């Protein structure tokens, strides 16, 4: 009986690991539930520097004096595909707000096709090591994750999982102090 328990445990552990050989798929990531967190102004911490190479091949540096929406995404992620039109619409209707994507766990050609399919006009950075800079504040804990940085360069809010129009509009209005167009 003891040998069976050990064998079953090993089988369970090895079946949960891809060994780093397979590419990510929709069952190999943590998906958030859309929960939103807003940090009180007095408790906000500085955001990391957001800059690097873009999906289009250029260089981009975020303006730390603008309210910024950072969306961590991957082309193979169903919630990312579902929220892409919402994020693009908000970006187009609210030019004062800076929108930036951060690609994670994906390949460039699939990501470029995704950006073209959803007509993403805001830049997407391809170096997901930027995500590590959010530790100690509101880290990207799921794919997708949307982080909002206030106009003082501080981490202000996070949506873990697919954004909704209502949640994004509410957080952006609270962080920017202005009425946001949905």
Protein backbone atom coordinates (compact mmCIF):
# COMPACT_ATOMS: atom_id res chain seq x y z
CA UNK A 1 0.00 0.00 0.00
CA UNK A 2 2.87 2.37 0.85
CA UNK A 3 4.47 1.77 -2.59
CA UNK A 4 1.17 2.58 -4.28
CA UNK A 5 0.86 5.86 -2.34
CA UNK A 6 4.39 6.89 -3.33
CA UNK A 7 3.76 5.95 -6.97
CA UNK A 8 0.46 7.87 -7.00
CA UNK A 9 2.14 10.94 -5.48
CA UNK A 10 4.94 10.89 -8.06
CA UNK A 11 2.47 10.44 -10.89
CA UNK A 12 0.42 13.38 -9.66
CA UNK A 13 3.46 15.64 -9.30
CA UNK A 14 4.93 14.83 -12.69
CA UNK A 15 1.62 15.17 -14.50
CA UNK A 16 1.31 18.76 -13.28
CA UNK A 17 4.64 19.78 -14.77
CA UNK A 18 5.37 20.47 -18.39
CA UNK A 19 9.09 20.20 -17.75
CA UNK A 20 9.50 23.49 -19.58
CA UNK A 21 9.09 21.80 -22.96
CA UNK A 22 5.55 22.68 -23.92
CA UNK A 23 4.34 26.13 -24.76
CA UNK A 24 1.77 27.79 -22.48
CA UNK A 25 -1.85 27.06 -23.14
CA UNK A 26 -5.12 28.10 -21.63
CA UNK A 27 -4.91 25.49 -18.88
CA UNK A 28 -1.33 26.25 -17.78
CA UNK A 29 -1.78 29.69 -16.27
CA UNK A 30 -3.58 31.36 -13.42
CA UNK A 31 -6.60 33.32 -14.55
CA UNK A 32 -8.00 35.99 -12.29
CA UNK A 33 -11.66 36.44 -11.49
CA UNK A 34 -11.89 40.12 -12.41
CA UNK A 35 -11.50 41.32 -8.85
CA UNK A 36 -10.40 44.92 -8.49
CA UNK A 37 -8.21 46.48 -5.80
CA UNK A 38 -7.80 50.23 -5.24
CA UNK A 39 -4.97 51.43 -2.98
CA UNK A 40 -5.63 54.49 -0.83
CA UNK A 41 -3.48 57.43 -1.92
CA UNK A 42 -1.43 57.53 1.28
CA UNK A 43 -0.45 53.85 0.90
CA UNK A 44 0.62 53.93 -2.76
CA UNK A 45 4.19 53.01 -3.68
CA UNK A 46 6.23 54.07 -6.72
CA UNK A 47 5.76 52.03 -9.88
CA UNK A 48 8.82 50.60 -11.61
CA UNK A 49 10.19 52.29 -14.71
CA UNK A 50 8.13 51.16 -17.69
CA UNK A 51 10.27 51.16 -20.81
CA UNK A 52 11.74 48.86 -23.39
CA UNK A 53 11.38 47.35 -26.83
CA UNK A 54 7.89 47.24 -28.30
CA UNK A 55 6.12 44.56 -30.26
CA UNK A 56 6.48 46.84 -33.30
CA UNK A 57 10.27 46.90 -32.85
CA UNK A 58 10.75 50.42 -31.50
CA UNK A 59 11.61 51.71 -28.05
CA UNK A 60 9.07 53.15 -25.63
CA UNK A 61 9.28 54.88 -22.24
CA UNK A 62 6.17 55.61 -20.23
CA UNK A 63 5.51 59.14 -19.05
CA UNK A 64 5.47 58.84 -15.24
CA UNK A 65 3.34 62.01 -14.92
CA UNK A 66 0.32 60.52 -16.71
CA UNK A 67 -2.30 58.10 -15.44
CA UNK A 68 -1.25 54.82 -17.02
CA UNK A 69 -3.05 51.55 -17.66
CA UNK A 70 -0.73 48.57 -17.99
CA UNK A 71 -2.23 45.36 -19.33
CA UNK A 72 -0.28 42.09 -19.03
CA UNK A 73 -1.45 39.74 -21.78
CA UNK A 74 -0.68 36.80 -24.07
CA UNK A 75 -2.21 35.88 -27.42
CA UNK A 76 -3.15 32.36 -26.29
CA UNK A 77 -5.15 33.64 -23.30
CA UNK A 78 -8.93 33.59 -23.88
CA UNK A 79 -9.69 36.37 -21.31
CA UNK A 80 -7.01 38.50 -23.00
CA UNK A 81 -8.77 38.10 -26.34
CA UNK A 82 -12.11 38.93 -24.71
CA UNK A 83 -10.87 42.15 -23.07
CA UNK A 84 -8.73 43.49 -25.94
CA UNK A 85 -11.60 45.40 -27.64
CA UNK A 86 -12.56 47.00 -24.31
CA UNK A 87 -9.01 48.18 -23.62
CA UNK A 88 -8.57 49.52 -27.15
CA UNK A 89 -11.89 51.40 -26.93
CA UNK A 90 -10.89 52.99 -23.60
CA UNK A 91 -7.51 53.91 -25.05
CA UNK A 92 -9.09 55.59 -28.08
CA UNK A 93 -11.73 57.48 -26.07
CA UNK A 94 -9.36 58.68 -23.33
CA UNK A 95 -6.20 60.12 -24.92
CA UNK A 96 -5.06 61.72 -21.64
CA UNK A 97 -4.57 58.22 -20.21
CA UNK A 98 -1.51 56.27 -21.31
CA UNK A 99 -2.19 52.62 -22.23
CA UNK A 100 0.65 50.09 -22.42
CA UNK A 101 0.64 46.34 -22.93
CA UNK A 102 3.22 43.94 -21.56
CA UNK A 103 3.52 40.65 -23.40
CA UNK A 104 4.16 37.58 -21.26
CA UNK A 105 4.84 33.91 -21.99
CA UNK A 106 4.23 34.29 -25.72
CA UNK A 107 6.06 34.38 -29.04
CA UNK A 108 6.40 37.53 -31.11
CA UNK A 109 4.64 36.37 -34.27
CA UNK A 110 1.53 35.21 -32.40
CA UNK A 111 1.51 38.44 -30.38
CA UNK A 112 1.89 40.58 -33.51
CA UNK A 113 -1.07 38.77 -35.09
CA UNK A 114 -3.09 39.37 -31.90
CA UNK A 115 -2.27 43.10 -31.92
CA UNK A 116 -3.22 43.36 -35.59
CA UNK A 117 -6.44 41.35 -35.15
CA UNK A 118 -7.63 43.59 -32.31
CA UNK A 119 -6.19 46.77 -33.85
CA UNK A 120 -4.25 47.65 -30.70
CA UNK A 121 -2.96 51.18 -31.15
CA UNK A 122 -1.13 51.44 -27.83
CA UNK A 123 2.41 50.05 -27.45
CA UNK A 124 3.09 46.59 -26.09
CA UNK A 125 6.44 45.94 -24.45
CA UNK A 126 8.01 42.54 -25.07
CA UNK A 127 10.19 42.33 -21.95
CA UNK A 128 8.00 40.84 -19.23
CA UNK A 129 10.77 41.20 -16.63
CA UNK A 130 9.15 44.60 -16.00
CA UNK A 131 6.40 42.71 -14.17
CA UNK A 132 8.83 41.79 -11.38
CA UNK A 133 9.12 45.49 -10.52
CA UNK A 134 5.57 45.44 -9.16
CA UNK A 135 6.48 43.12 -6.26
CA UNK A 136 5.73 44.83 -2.98
CA UNK A 137 2.77 46.69 -4.48
CA UNK A 138 0.15 44.98 -6.66
CA UNK A 139 1.98 42.33 -8.68
CA UNK A 140 0.59 40.78 -11.84
CA UNK A 141 -0.85 37.65 -10.26
CA UNK A 142 -2.82 36.33 -13.22
CA UNK A 143 -3.05 36.52 -16.99
CA UNK A 144 -4.47 38.99 -17.81
CA UNK A 145 -3.73 41.57 -15.15
CA UNK A 146 -4.38 45.28 -15.55
CA UNK A 147 -2.48 47.70 -13.32
CA UNK A 148 -3.28 51.40 -13.04
CA UNK A 149 -0.57 53.91 -12.14
CA UNK A 150 -1.59 57.37 -10.94
CA UNK A 151 -0.26 60.70 -12.28
CA UNK A 152 2.38 60.73 -9.53
CA UNK A 153 3.92 57.48 -10.80
CA UNK A 154 2.50 55.31 -8.02
CA UNK A 155 0.73 51.96 -8.28
CA UNK A 156 -2.92 52.75 -7.59
CA UNK A 157 -5.08 49.81 -8.65
CA UNK A 158 -5.21 46.34 -10.18
CA UNK A 159 -7.77 44.18 -11.92
CA UNK A 160 -6.83 40.53 -11.70
CA UNK A 161 -8.37 38.80 -14.70
CA UNK A 162 -10.50 40.09 -17.54
CA UNK A 163 -11.44 43.77 -17.26
CA UNK A 164 -15.04 44.89 -17.47
CA UNK A 165 -16.14 48.28 -18.74
CA UNK A 166 -17.69 49.14 -15.36
CA UNK A 167 -14.66 48.14 -13.26
CA UNK A 168 -12.13 49.88 -15.51
CA UNK A 169 -14.22 53.05 -15.78
CA UNK A 170 -14.74 53.16 -12.00
CA UNK A 171 -11.05 52.71 -11.15
CA UNK A 172 -9.85 55.17 -13.78
CA UNK A 173 -12.33 57.80 -12.59
CA UNK A 174 -11.18 57.33 -8.99
CA UNK A 175 -7.46 57.38 -9.86
CA UNK A 176 -7.58 60.26 -12.35
CA UNK A 177 -10.21 62.37 -10.59
CA UNK A 178 -11.91 62.91 -13.95
CA UNK A 179 -14.92 61.38 -15.64
CA UNK A 180 -13.72 58.59 -17.92
CA UNK A 181 -15.40 57.79 -21.22
CA UNK A 182 -16.37 54.15 -21.61
